[in-house]
Amino acid sequence: DGAETFRKKMSDDAVMVFPYPAGIMQGSAIIDGLKSAPRWR
C-alpha cells in the first residue's frame, strides 16, 4: 500500500533501517521518503 497505510498504522516515533542509501529513518521522514519511492507490486 501507499503512504496512507503508514500514516494510519505506524507509530509517530517509528524507526526504520533500510539498505543504503536510505539508511536510518524516523517518524515523518519515513512517510516523506515513501512519496518519491516506487511501490512494491
Full PDB file with SEQRES, HELIX, SHEET, SSBOND, CRYST1, ORIGX, SCALE, CONECT and MASTER records, all heavy atoms in Angstrom:
SEQRES   1 A   41  ASP GLY ALA GLU THR PHE ARG LYS LYS MET SER ASP ASP          
SEQRES   2 A   41  ALA VAL MET VAL PHE PRO TYR PRO ALA GLY ILE MET GLN          
SEQRES   3 A   41  GLY SER ALA ILE ILE ASP GLY LEU LYS SER ALA PRO ARG          
SEQRES   4 A   41  TRP ARG                                                      
HELIX    1 AA1 ALA A    3  LYS A    9  1                                   7    
HELIX    2 AA2 SER A   28  SER A   36  1                                   9    
SHEET    1 AA1 2 VAL A  15  VAL A  17  0                                        
SHEET    2 AA1 2 ILE A  24  GLN A  26 -1                                        
CRYST1    1.000    1.000    1.000  90.00  90.00  90.00 P 1           1          
ORIGX1      1.000000  0.000000  0.000000        0.00000                         
ORIGX2      0.000000  1.000000  0.000000        0.00000                         
ORIGX3      0.000000  0.000000  1.000000        0.00000                         
SCALE1      1.000000  0.000000  0.000000        0.00000                         
SCALE2      0.000000  1.000000  0.000000        0.00000                         
SCALE3      0.000000  0.000000  1.000000        0.00000                         
ATOM      1  N   ASP A   1       0.834  -1.198   0.000  1.00  0.00           N  
ATOM      2  CA  ASP A   1       0.000   0.000   0.000  1.00  0.00           C  
ATOM      3  C   ASP A   1       0.873   1.254   0.000  1.00  0.00           C  
ATOM      4  O   ASP A   1       2.082   1.175   0.135  1.00  0.00           O  
ATOM      5  CB  ASP A   1      -0.919   0.029   1.226  1.00  0.00           C  
ATOM      6  CG  ASP A   1      -1.986  -1.069   1.177  1.00  0.00           C  
ATOM      7  OD1 ASP A   1      -2.098  -1.766   0.148  1.00  0.00           O  
ATOM      8  OD2 ASP A   1      -2.699  -1.224   2.181  1.00  0.00           O  
ATOM      9  N   GLY A   2       0.237   2.382  -0.108  1.00  0.00           N  
ATOM     10  CA  GLY A   2       0.970   3.647  -0.133  1.00  0.00           C  
ATOM     11  C   GLY A   2       1.167   4.251   1.242  1.00  0.00           C  
ATOM     12  O   GLY A   2       0.972   3.606   2.283  1.00  0.00           O  
ATOM     13  N   ALA A   3       1.520   5.518   1.235  1.00  0.00           N  
ATOM     14  CA  ALA A   3       1.845   6.253   2.456  1.00  0.00           C  
ATOM     15  C   ALA A   3       0.679   6.304   3.436  1.00  0.00           C  
ATOM     16  O   ALA A   3       0.890   6.410   4.643  1.00  0.00           O  
ATOM     17  CB  ALA A   3       2.294   7.668   2.098  1.00  0.00           C  
ATOM     18  N   GLU A   4      -0.551   6.198   2.959  1.00  0.00           N  
ATOM     19  CA  GLU A   4      -1.712   6.279   3.854  1.00  0.00           C  
ATOM     20  C   GLU A   4      -1.712   5.161   4.897  1.00  0.00           C  
ATOM     21  O   GLU A   4      -2.054   5.387   6.059  1.00  0.00           O  
ATOM     22  CB  GLU A   4      -3.017   6.248   3.037  1.00  0.00           C  
ATOM     23  CG  GLU A   4      -4.242   6.579   3.844  1.00  0.00           C  
ATOM     24  CD  GLU A   4      -4.202   7.986   4.461  1.00  0.00           C  
ATOM     25  OE1 GLU A   4      -3.525   8.879   3.921  1.00  0.00           O  
ATOM     26  OE2 GLU A   4      -4.860   8.168   5.499  1.00  0.00           O  
ATOM     27  N   THR A   5      -1.309   3.961   4.521  1.00  0.00           N  
ATOM     28  CA  THR A   5      -1.207   2.865   5.487  1.00  0.00           C  
ATOM     29  C   THR A   5      -0.178   3.208   6.561  1.00  0.00           C  
ATOM     30  O   THR A   5      -0.406   2.966   7.748  1.00  0.00           O  
ATOM     31  CB  THR A   5      -0.838   1.542   4.783  1.00  0.00           C  
ATOM     32  OG1 THR A   5      -1.900   1.196   3.901  1.00  0.00           O  
ATOM     33  CG2 THR A   5      -0.628   0.412   5.779  1.00  0.00           C  
ATOM     34  N   PHE A   6       0.940   3.780   6.161  1.00  0.00           N  
ATOM     35  CA  PHE A   6       1.957   4.176   7.139  1.00  0.00           C  
ATOM     36  C   PHE A   6       1.412   5.247   8.078  1.00  0.00           C  
ATOM     37  O   PHE A   6       1.636   5.208   9.278  1.00  0.00           O  
ATOM     38  CB  PHE A   6       3.222   4.675   6.432  1.00  0.00           C  
ATOM     39  CG  PHE A   6       4.060   3.558   5.884  1.00  0.00           C  
ATOM     40  CD1 PHE A   6       3.733   2.954   4.679  1.00  0.00           C  
ATOM     41  CD2 PHE A   6       5.168   3.102   6.572  1.00  0.00           C  
ATOM     42  CE1 PHE A   6       4.502   1.926   4.171  1.00  0.00           C  
ATOM     43  CE2 PHE A   6       5.943   2.065   6.071  1.00  0.00           C  
ATOM     44  CZ  PHE A   6       5.609   1.476   4.871  1.00  0.00           C  
ATOM     45  N   ARG A   7       0.691   6.214   7.529  1.00  0.00           N  
ATOM     46  CA  ARG A   7       0.123   7.278   8.361  1.00  0.00           C  
ATOM     47  C   ARG A   7      -0.838   6.718   9.404  1.00  0.00           C  
ATOM     48  O   ARG A   7      -0.860   7.154  10.543  1.00  0.00           O  
ATOM     49  CB  ARG A   7      -0.623   8.290   7.494  1.00  0.00           C  
ATOM     50  CG  ARG A   7       0.122   9.579   7.278  1.00  0.00           C  
ATOM     51  CD  ARG A   7      -0.746  10.643   6.643  1.00  0.00           C  
ATOM     52  NE  ARG A   7      -1.031  10.427   5.250  1.00  0.00           N  
ATOM     53  CZ  ARG A   7      -0.157  10.601   4.267  1.00  0.00           C  
ATOM     54  NH1 ARG A   7       1.061  10.985   4.536  1.00  0.00           N  
ATOM     55  NH2 ARG A   7      -0.492  10.386   3.015  1.00  0.00           N  
ATOM     56  N   LYS A   8      -1.622   5.715   9.014  1.00  0.00           N  
ATOM     57  CA  LYS A   8      -2.653   5.161   9.901  1.00  0.00           C  
ATOM     58  C   LYS A   8      -2.117   4.116  10.877  1.00  0.00           C  
ATOM     59  O   LYS A   8      -2.622   4.004  11.992  1.00  0.00           O  
ATOM     60  CB  LYS A   8      -3.763   4.517   9.069  1.00  0.00           C  
ATOM     61  CG  LYS A   8      -4.629   5.498   8.336  1.00  0.00           C  
ATOM     62  CD  LYS A   8      -5.698   4.759   7.551  1.00  0.00           C  
ATOM     63  CE  LYS A   8      -6.593   5.712   6.799  1.00  0.00           C  
ATOM     64  NZ  LYS A   8      -7.603   4.997   5.991  1.00  0.00           N  
ATOM     65  N   LYS A   9      -1.131   3.333  10.470  1.00  0.00           N  
ATOM     66  CA  LYS A   9      -0.737   2.154  11.247  1.00  0.00           C  
ATOM     67  C   LYS A   9       0.675   2.178  11.811  1.00  0.00           C  
ATOM     68  O   LYS A   9       1.076   1.261  12.505  1.00  0.00           O  
ATOM     69  CB  LYS A   9      -0.895   0.894  10.375  1.00  0.00           C  
ATOM     70  CG  LYS A   9      -2.325   0.628   9.958  1.00  0.00           C  
ATOM     71  CD  LYS A   9      -3.166   0.294  11.159  1.00  0.00           C  
ATOM     72  CE  LYS A   9      -4.560  -0.128  10.791  1.00  0.00           C  
ATOM     73  NZ  LYS A   9      -5.346  -0.508  11.969  1.00  0.00           N  
ATOM     74  N   MET A  10       1.421   3.219  11.529  1.00  0.00           N  
ATOM     75  CA  MET A  10       2.781   3.329  12.041  1.00  0.00           C  
ATOM     76  C   MET A  10       2.792   4.285  13.230  1.00  0.00           C  
ATOM     77  O   MET A  10       2.123   5.315  13.211  1.00  0.00           O  
ATOM     78  CB  MET A  10       3.699   3.864  10.941  1.00  0.00           C  
ATOM     79  CG  MET A  10       5.143   3.970  11.334  1.00  0.00           C  
ATOM     80  SD  MET A  10       6.151   4.707  10.009  1.00  0.00           S  
ATOM     81  CE  MET A  10       5.676   6.432  10.160  1.00  0.00           C  
ATOM     82  N   SER A  11       3.570   3.957  14.237  1.00  0.00           N  
ATOM     83  CA  SER A  11       3.744   4.859  15.369  1.00  0.00           C  
ATOM     84  C   SER A  11       4.431   6.140  14.903  1.00  0.00           C  
ATOM     85  O   SER A  11       5.303   6.104  14.025  1.00  0.00           O  
ATOM     86  CB  SER A  11       4.597   4.163  16.437  1.00  0.00           C  
ATOM     87  OG  SER A  11       4.851   5.038  17.502  1.00  0.00           O  
ATOM     88  N   ASP A  12       4.055   7.264  15.494  1.00  0.00           N  
ATOM     89  CA  ASP A  12       4.650   8.552  15.112  1.00  0.00           C  
ATOM     90  C   ASP A  12       6.159   8.589  15.331  1.00  0.00           C  
ATOM     91  O   ASP A  12       6.863   9.336  14.660  1.00  0.00           O  
ATOM     92  CB  ASP A  12       4.004   9.696  15.901  1.00  0.00           C  
ATOM     93  CG  ASP A  12       2.558   9.918  15.512  1.00  0.00           C  
ATOM     94  OD1 ASP A  12       2.148   9.494  14.415  1.00  0.00           O  
ATOM     95  OD2 ASP A  12       1.830  10.537  16.320  1.00  0.00           O  
ATOM     96  N   ASP A  13       6.660   7.797  16.271  1.00  0.00           N  
ATOM     97  CA  ASP A  13       8.090   7.805  16.568  1.00  0.00           C  
ATOM     98  C   ASP A  13       8.805   6.547  16.074  1.00  0.00           C  
ATOM     99  O   ASP A  13       9.850   6.168  16.583  1.00  0.00           O  
ATOM    100  CB  ASP A  13       8.337   8.008  18.060  1.00  0.00           C  
ATOM    101  CG  ASP A  13       7.679   6.936  18.919  1.00  0.00           C  
ATOM    102  OD1 ASP A  13       6.896   6.122  18.392  1.00  0.00           O  
ATOM    103  OD2 ASP A  13       7.948   6.913  20.136  1.00  0.00           O  
ATOM    104  N   ALA A  14       8.237   5.916  15.053  1.00  0.00           N  
ATOM    105  CA  ALA A  14       8.826   4.691  14.496  1.00  0.00           C  
ATOM    106  C   ALA A  14      10.227   4.954  13.942  1.00  0.00           C  
ATOM    107  O   ALA A  14      10.552   6.066  13.519  1.00  0.00           O  
ATOM    108  CB  ALA A  14       7.936   4.132  13.391  1.00  0.00           C  
ATOM    109  N   VAL A  15      11.027   3.887  13.947  1.00  0.00           N  
ATOM    110  CA  VAL A  15      12.382   3.927  13.384  1.00  0.00           C  
ATOM    111  C   VAL A  15      12.500   2.789  12.375  1.00  0.00           C  
ATOM    112  O   VAL A  15      12.104   1.657  12.659  1.00  0.00           O  
ATOM    113  CB  VAL A  15      13.451   3.761  14.488  1.00  0.00           C  
ATOM    114  CG1 VAL A  15      14.849   3.681  13.879  1.00  0.00           C  
ATOM    115  CG2 VAL A  15      13.362   4.889  15.502  1.00  0.00           C  
ATOM    116  N   MET A  16      13.051   3.105  11.197  1.00  0.00           N  
ATOM    117  CA  MET A  16      13.258   2.082  10.172  1.00  0.00           C  
ATOM    118  C   MET A  16      14.689   2.144   9.677  1.00  0.00           C  
ATOM    119  O   MET A  16      15.266   3.231   9.555  1.00  0.00           O  
ATOM    120  CB  MET A  16      12.280   2.279   9.015  1.00  0.00           C  
ATOM    121  CG  MET A  16      10.851   2.101   9.444  1.00  0.00           C  
ATOM    122  SD  MET A  16       9.749   1.975   8.045  1.00  0.00           S  
ATOM    123  CE  MET A  16       8.207   1.764   8.907  1.00  0.00           C  
ATOM    124  N   VAL A  17      15.240   0.962   9.397  1.00  0.00           N  
ATOM    125  CA  VAL A  17      16.607   0.851   8.895  1.00  0.00           C  
ATOM    126  C   VAL A  17      16.532   0.171   7.536  1.00  0.00           C  
ATOM    127  O   VAL A  17      16.148  -0.996   7.434  1.00  0.00           O  
ATOM    128  CB  VAL A  17      17.503   0.042   9.865  1.00  0.00           C  
ATOM    129  CG1 VAL A  17      18.923  -0.042   9.329  1.00  0.00           C  
ATOM    130  CG2 VAL A  17      17.461   0.658  11.258  1.00  0.00           C  
ATOM    131  N   PHE A  18      16.900   0.937   6.504  1.00  0.00           N  
ATOM    132  CA  PHE A  18      16.858   0.451   5.127  1.00  0.00           C  
ATOM    133  C   PHE A  18      18.271   0.345   4.577  1.00  0.00           C  
ATOM    134  O   PHE A  18      19.198   1.019   5.062  1.00  0.00           O  
ATOM    135  CB  PHE A  18      16.062   1.421   4.239  1.00  0.00           C  
ATOM    136  CG  PHE A  18      14.619   1.534   4.615  1.00  0.00           C  
ATOM    137  CD1 PHE A  18      14.143   2.667   5.260  1.00  0.00           C  
ATOM    138  CD2 PHE A  18      13.724   0.514   4.323  1.00  0.00           C  
ATOM    139  CE1 PHE A  18      12.810   2.788   5.595  1.00  0.00           C  
ATOM    140  CE2 PHE A  18      12.377   0.624   4.652  1.00  0.00           C  
ATOM    141  CZ  PHE A  18      11.923   1.763   5.300  1.00  0.00           C  
ATOM    142  N   PRO A  19      18.454  -0.480   3.525  1.00  0.00           N  
ATOM    143  CA  PRO A  19      19.767  -0.534   2.878  1.00  0.00           C  
ATOM    144  C   PRO A  19      20.164   0.849   2.344  1.00  0.00           C  
ATOM    145  O   PRO A  19      19.308   1.690   2.057  1.00  0.00           O  
ATOM    146  CB  PRO A  19      19.558  -1.527   1.726  1.00  0.00           C  
ATOM    147  CG  PRO A  19      18.383  -2.351   2.145  1.00  0.00           C  
ATOM    148  CD  PRO A  19      17.504  -1.418   2.929  1.00  0.00           C  
ATOM    149  N   TYR A  20      21.461   1.052   2.215  1.00  0.00           N  
ATOM    150  CA  TYR A  20      21.996   2.286   1.643  1.00  0.00           C  
ATOM    151  C   TYR A  20      21.381   2.517   0.275  1.00  0.00           C  
ATOM    152  O   TYR A  20      21.177   1.557  -0.461  1.00  0.00           O  
ATOM    153  CB  TYR A  20      23.517   2.166   1.545  1.00  0.00           C  
ATOM    154  CG  TYR A  20      24.181   3.401   1.000  1.00  0.00           C  
ATOM    155  CD1 TYR A  20      24.464   4.474   1.832  1.00  0.00           C  
ATOM    156  CD2 TYR A  20      24.482   3.499  -0.338  1.00  0.00           C  
ATOM    157  CE1 TYR A  20      25.046   5.618   1.323  1.00  0.00           C  
ATOM    158  CE2 TYR A  20      25.067   4.645  -0.847  1.00  0.00           C  
ATOM    159  CZ  TYR A  20      25.339   5.699  -0.015  1.00  0.00           C  
ATOM    160  OH  TYR A  20      25.904   6.830  -0.514  1.00  0.00           O  
ATOM    161  N   PRO A  21      20.999   3.706  -0.099  1.00  0.00           N  
ATOM    162  CA  PRO A  21      21.344   4.982   0.517  1.00  0.00           C  
ATOM    163  C   PRO A  21      20.303   5.510   1.515  1.00  0.00           C  
ATOM    164  O   PRO A  21      20.545   6.530   2.155  1.00  0.00           O  
ATOM    165  CB  PRO A  21      21.444   5.933  -0.676  1.00  0.00           C  
ATOM    166  CG  PRO A  21      20.411   5.411  -1.624  1.00  0.00           C  
ATOM    167  CD  PRO A  21      20.429   3.907  -1.437  1.00  0.00           C  
ATOM    168  N   ALA A  22      19.169   4.845   1.657  1.00  0.00           N  
ATOM    169  CA  ALA A  22      18.121   5.373   2.544  1.00  0.00           C  
ATOM    170  C   ALA A  22      18.602   5.440   3.995  1.00  0.00           C  
ATOM    171  O   ALA A  22      18.439   6.448   4.671  1.00  0.00           O  
ATOM    172  CB  ALA A  22      16.854   4.537   2.438  1.00  0.00           C  
ATOM    173  N   GLY A  23      19.170   4.353   4.517  1.00  0.00           N  
ATOM    174  CA  GLY A  23      19.708   4.334   5.872  1.00  0.00           C  
ATOM    175  C   GLY A  23      18.641   4.374   6.952  1.00  0.00           C  
ATOM    176  O   GLY A  23      17.555   3.820   6.784  1.00  0.00           O  
ATOM    177  N   ILE A  24      18.933   5.052   8.040  1.00  0.00           N  
ATOM    178  CA  ILE A  24      18.030   5.117   9.195  1.00  0.00           C  
ATOM    179  C   ILE A  24      17.055   6.269   8.997  1.00  0.00           C  
ATOM    180  O   ILE A  24      17.465   7.399   8.741  1.00  0.00           O  
ATOM    181  CB  ILE A  24      18.831   5.310  10.498  1.00  0.00           C  
ATOM    182  CG1 ILE A  24      19.781   4.129  10.708  1.00  0.00           C  
ATOM    183  CG2 ILE A  24      17.886   5.473  11.693  1.00  0.00           C  
ATOM    184  CD1 ILE A  24      20.783   4.342  11.820  1.00  0.00           C  
ATOM    185  N   MET A  25      15.777   5.966   9.150  1.00  0.00           N  
ATOM    186  CA  MET A  25      14.736   6.980   9.004  1.00  0.00           C  
ATOM    187  C   MET A  25      13.834   6.930  10.225  1.00  0.00           C  
ATOM    188  O   MET A  25      13.639   5.861  10.806  1.00  0.00           O  
ATOM    189  CB  MET A  25      13.924   6.745   7.733  1.00  0.00           C  
ATOM    190  CG  MET A  25      14.764   6.756   6.474  1.00  0.00           C  
ATOM    191  SD  MET A  25      13.791   6.410   5.003  1.00  0.00           S  
ATOM    192  CE  MET A  25      13.216   8.054   4.659  1.00  0.00           C  
ATOM    193  N   GLN A  26      13.285   8.085  10.591  1.00  0.00           N  
ATOM    194  CA  GLN A  26      12.427   8.172  11.764  1.00  0.00           C  
ATOM    195  C   GLN A  26      11.174   8.982  11.463  1.00  0.00           C  
ATOM    196  O   GLN A  26      11.215   9.927  10.669  1.00  0.00           O  
ATOM    197  CB  GLN A  26      13.170   8.855  12.916  1.00  0.00           C  
ATOM    198  CG  GLN A  26      14.419   8.141  13.342  1.00  0.00           C  
ATOM    199  CD  GLN A  26      15.149   8.905  14.436  1.00  0.00           C  
ATOM    200  OE1 GLN A  26      14.542   9.337  15.399  1.00  0.00           O  
ATOM    201  NE2 GLN A  26      16.443   9.061  14.274  1.00  0.00           N  
ATOM    202  N   GLY A  27      10.092   8.622  12.151  1.00  0.00           N  
ATOM    203  CA  GLY A  27       8.851   9.392  12.140  1.00  0.00           C  
ATOM    204  C   GLY A  27       8.395   9.839  10.769  1.00  0.00           C  
ATOM    205  O   GLY A  27       8.305   9.052   9.836  1.00  0.00           O  
ATOM    206  N   SER A  28       8.123  11.132  10.631  1.00  0.00           N  
ATOM    207  CA  SER A  28       7.554  11.672   9.392  1.00  0.00           C  
ATOM    208  C   SER A  28       8.500  11.548   8.206  1.00  0.00           C  
ATOM    209  O   SER A  28       8.048  11.535   7.056  1.00  0.00           O  
ATOM    210  CB  SER A  28       7.134  13.124   9.591  1.00  0.00           C  
ATOM    211  OG  SER A  28       8.263  13.922   9.908  1.00  0.00           O  
ATOM    212  N   ALA A  29       9.809  11.433   8.438  1.00  0.00           N  
ATOM    213  CA  ALA A  29      10.750  11.251   7.334  1.00  0.00           C  
ATOM    214  C   ALA A  29      10.482   9.943   6.589  1.00  0.00           C  
ATOM    215  O   ALA A  29      10.739   9.844   5.394  1.00  0.00           O  
ATOM    216  CB  ALA A  29      12.190  11.282   7.849  1.00  0.00           C  
ATOM    217  N   ILE A  30       9.943   8.954   7.281  1.00  0.00           N  
ATOM    218  CA  ILE A  30       9.603   7.679   6.635  1.00  0.00           C  
ATOM    219  C   ILE A  30       8.507   7.912   5.603  1.00  0.00           C  
ATOM    220  O   ILE A  30       8.621   7.499   4.450  1.00  0.00           O  
ATOM    221  CB  ILE A  30       9.157   6.634   7.680  1.00  0.00           C  
ATOM    222  CG1 ILE A  30      10.304   6.318   8.637  1.00  0.00           C  
ATOM    223  CG2 ILE A  30       8.642   5.372   6.992  1.00  0.00           C  
ATOM    224  CD1 ILE A  30       9.893   5.573   9.887  1.00  0.00           C  
ATOM    225  N   ILE A  31       7.455   8.597   6.013  1.00  0.00           N  
ATOM    226  CA  ILE A  31       6.335   8.863   5.105  1.00  0.00           C  
ATOM    227  C   ILE A  31       6.782   9.772   3.969  1.00  0.00           C  
ATOM    228  O   ILE A  31       6.428   9.541   2.806  1.00  0.00           O  
ATOM    229  CB  ILE A  31       5.142   9.442   5.874  1.00  0.00           C  
ATOM    230  CG1 ILE A  31       4.622   8.392   6.859  1.00  0.00           C  
ATOM    231  CG2 ILE A  31       4.032   9.879   4.923  1.00  0.00           C  
ATOM    232  CD1 ILE A  31       3.606   8.879   7.843  1.00  0.00           C  
ATOM    233  N   ASP A  32       7.588  10.790   4.256  1.00  0.00           N  
ATOM    234  CA  ASP A  32       8.103  11.678   3.210  1.00  0.00           C  
ATOM    235  C   ASP A  32       8.918  10.892   2.194  1.00  0.00           C  
ATOM    236  O   ASP A  32       8.816  11.128   0.988  1.00  0.00           O  
ATOM    237  CB  ASP A  32       8.961  12.789   3.817  1.00  0.00           C  
ATOM    238  CG  ASP A  32       8.139  13.777   4.639  1.00  0.00           C  
ATOM    239  OD1 ASP A  32       6.894  13.811   4.485  1.00  0.00           O  
ATOM    240  OD2 ASP A  32       8.748  14.503   5.447  1.00  0.00           O  
ATOM    241  N   GLY A  33       9.715   9.937   2.655  1.00  0.00           N  
ATOM    242  CA  GLY A  33      10.512   9.113   1.758  1.00  0.00           C  
ATOM    243  C   GLY A  33       9.679   8.225   0.854  1.00  0.00           C  
ATOM    244  O   GLY A  33      10.060   7.937  -0.277  1.00  0.00           O  
ATOM    245  N   LEU A  34       8.529   7.810   1.357  1.00  0.00           N  
ATOM    246  CA  LEU A  34       7.649   6.951   0.560  1.00  0.00           C  
ATOM    247  C   LEU A  34       7.047   7.678  -0.632  1.00  0.00           C  
ATOM    248  O   LEU A  34       6.717   7.074  -1.640  1.00  0.00           O  
ATOM    249  CB  LEU A  34       6.497   6.423   1.429  1.00  0.00           C  
ATOM    250  CG  LEU A  34       6.867   5.381   2.457  1.00  0.00           C  
ATOM    251  CD1 LEU A  34       5.694   5.130   3.393  1.00  0.00           C  
ATOM    252  CD2 LEU A  34       7.284   4.101   1.773  1.00  0.00           C  
ATOM    253  N   LYS A  35       6.882   8.971  -0.508  1.00  0.00           N  
ATOM    254  CA  LYS A  35       6.239   9.753  -1.572  1.00  0.00           C  
ATOM    255  C   LYS A  35       7.013   9.680  -2.875  1.00  0.00           C  
ATOM    256  O   LYS A  35       6.424   9.703  -3.946  1.00  0.00           O  
ATOM    257  CB  LYS A  35       6.062  11.201  -1.128  1.00  0.00           C  
ATOM    258  CG  LYS A  35       5.062  11.347  -0.003  1.00  0.00           C  
ATOM    259  CD  LYS A  35       4.986  12.777   0.487  1.00  0.00           C  
ATOM    260  CE  LYS A  35       4.066  12.878   1.690  1.00  0.00           C  
ATOM    261  NZ  LYS A  35       4.103  14.211   2.300  1.00  0.00           N  
ATOM    262  N   SER A  36       8.339   9.574  -2.797  1.00  0.00           N  
ATOM    263  CA  SER A  36       9.152   9.532  -4.011  1.00  0.00           C  
ATOM    264  C   SER A  36       9.598   8.119  -4.390  1.00  0.00           C  
ATOM    265  O   SER A  36      10.155   7.921  -5.457  1.00  0.00           O  
ATOM    266  CB  SER A  36      10.372  10.434  -3.850  1.00  0.00           C  
ATOM    267  OG  SER A  36      11.171   9.967  -2.776  1.00  0.00           O  
ATOM    268  N   ALA A  37       9.362   7.158  -3.526  1.00  0.00           N  
ATOM    269  CA  ALA A  37       9.811   5.781  -3.799  1.00  0.00           C  
ATOM    270  C   ALA A  37       8.746   5.006  -4.566  1.00  0.00           C  
ATOM    271  O   ALA A  37       7.558   5.109  -4.247  1.00  0.00           O  
ATOM    272  CB  ALA A  37      10.122   5.075  -2.485  1.00  0.00           C  
ATOM    273  N   PRO A  38       9.154   4.220  -5.561  1.00  0.00           N  
ATOM    274  CA  PRO A  38       8.169   3.380  -6.252  1.00  0.00           C  
ATOM    275  C   PRO A  38       7.643   2.302  -5.301  1.00  0.00           C  
ATOM    276  O   PRO A  38       8.379   1.801  -4.455  1.00  0.00           O  
ATOM    277  CB  PRO A  38       8.957   2.759  -7.408  1.00  0.00           C  
ATOM    278  CG  PRO A  38      10.393   2.865  -7.012  1.00  0.00           C  
ATOM    279  CD  PRO A  38      10.501   4.033  -6.079  1.00  0.00           C  
ATOM    280  N   ARG A  39       6.385   1.977  -5.422  1.00  0.00           N  
ATOM    281  CA  ARG A  39       5.761   0.971  -4.561  1.00  0.00           C  
ATOM    282  C   ARG A  39       6.153  -0.426  -5.042  1.00  0.00           C  
ATOM    283  O   ARG A  39       6.455  -0.647  -6.211  1.00  0.00           O  
ATOM    284  CB  ARG A  39       4.230   1.099  -4.571  1.00  0.00           C  
ATOM    285  CG  ARG A  39       3.705   2.385  -4.007  1.00  0.00           C  
ATOM    286  CD  ARG A  39       4.164   2.750  -2.600  1.00  0.00           C  
ATOM    287  NE  ARG A  39       4.148   1.673  -1.646  1.00  0.00           N  
ATOM    288  CZ  ARG A  39       5.077   1.487  -0.722  1.00  0.00           C  
ATOM    289  NH1 ARG A  39       6.102   2.290  -0.614  1.00  0.00           N  
ATOM    290  NH2 ARG A  39       4.987   0.486   0.121  1.00  0.00           N  
ATOM    291  N   TRP A  40       6.119  -1.358  -4.115  1.00  0.00           N  
ATOM    292  CA  TRP A  40       6.337  -2.758  -4.447  1.00  0.00           C  
ATOM    293  C   TRP A  40       5.058  -3.288  -5.076  1.00  0.00           C  
ATOM    294  O   TRP A  40       3.966  -2.986  -4.629  1.00  0.00           O  
ATOM    295  CB  TRP A  40       6.673  -3.541  -3.178  1.00  0.00           C  
ATOM    296  CG  TRP A  40       7.938  -3.070  -2.537  1.00  0.00           C  
ATOM    297  CD1 TRP A  40       8.045  -2.230  -1.465  1.00  0.00           C  
ATOM    298  CD2 TRP A  40       9.270  -3.387  -2.927  1.00  0.00           C  
ATOM    299  NE1 TRP A  40       9.363  -2.005  -1.167  1.00  0.00           N  
ATOM    300  CE2 TRP A  40      10.139  -2.709  -2.051  1.00  0.00           C  
ATOM    301  CE3 TRP A  40       9.809  -4.183  -3.933  1.00  0.00           C  
ATOM    302  CZ2 TRP A  40      11.521  -2.796  -2.149  1.00  0.00           C  
ATOM    303  CZ3 TRP A  40      11.196  -4.277  -4.020  1.00  0.00           C  
ATOM    304  CH2 TRP A  40      12.028  -3.593  -3.145  1.00  0.00           C  
ATOM    305  N   ARG A  41       5.194  -4.101  -6.113  1.00  0.00           N  
ATOM    306  CA  ARG A  41       3.979  -4.653  -6.729  1.00  0.00           C  
ATOM    307  C   ARG A  41       3.662  -6.046  -6.196  1.00  0.00           C  
ATOM    308  O   ARG A  41       2.539  -6.504  -6.287  1.00  0.00           O  
ATOM    309  CB  ARG A  41       4.081  -4.607  -8.236  1.00  0.00           C  
ATOM    310  CG  ARG A  41       4.693  -5.778  -8.875  1.00  0.00           C  
ATOM    311  CD  ARG A  41       4.635  -5.705 -10.360  1.00  0.00           C  
ATOM    312  NE  ARG A  41       5.710  -6.551 -10.822  1.00  0.00           N  
ATOM    313  CZ  ARG A  41       6.195  -6.527 -12.018  1.00  0.00           C  
ATOM    314  NH1 ARG A  41       5.725  -5.704 -12.898  1.00  0.00           N  
ATOM    315  NH2 ARG A  41       7.164  -7.336 -12.334  1.00  0.00           N  
TER     316      ARG A  41                                                      
MASTER        0    0    0    2    2    0    0    6  315    1    0    4          
END                                                                             
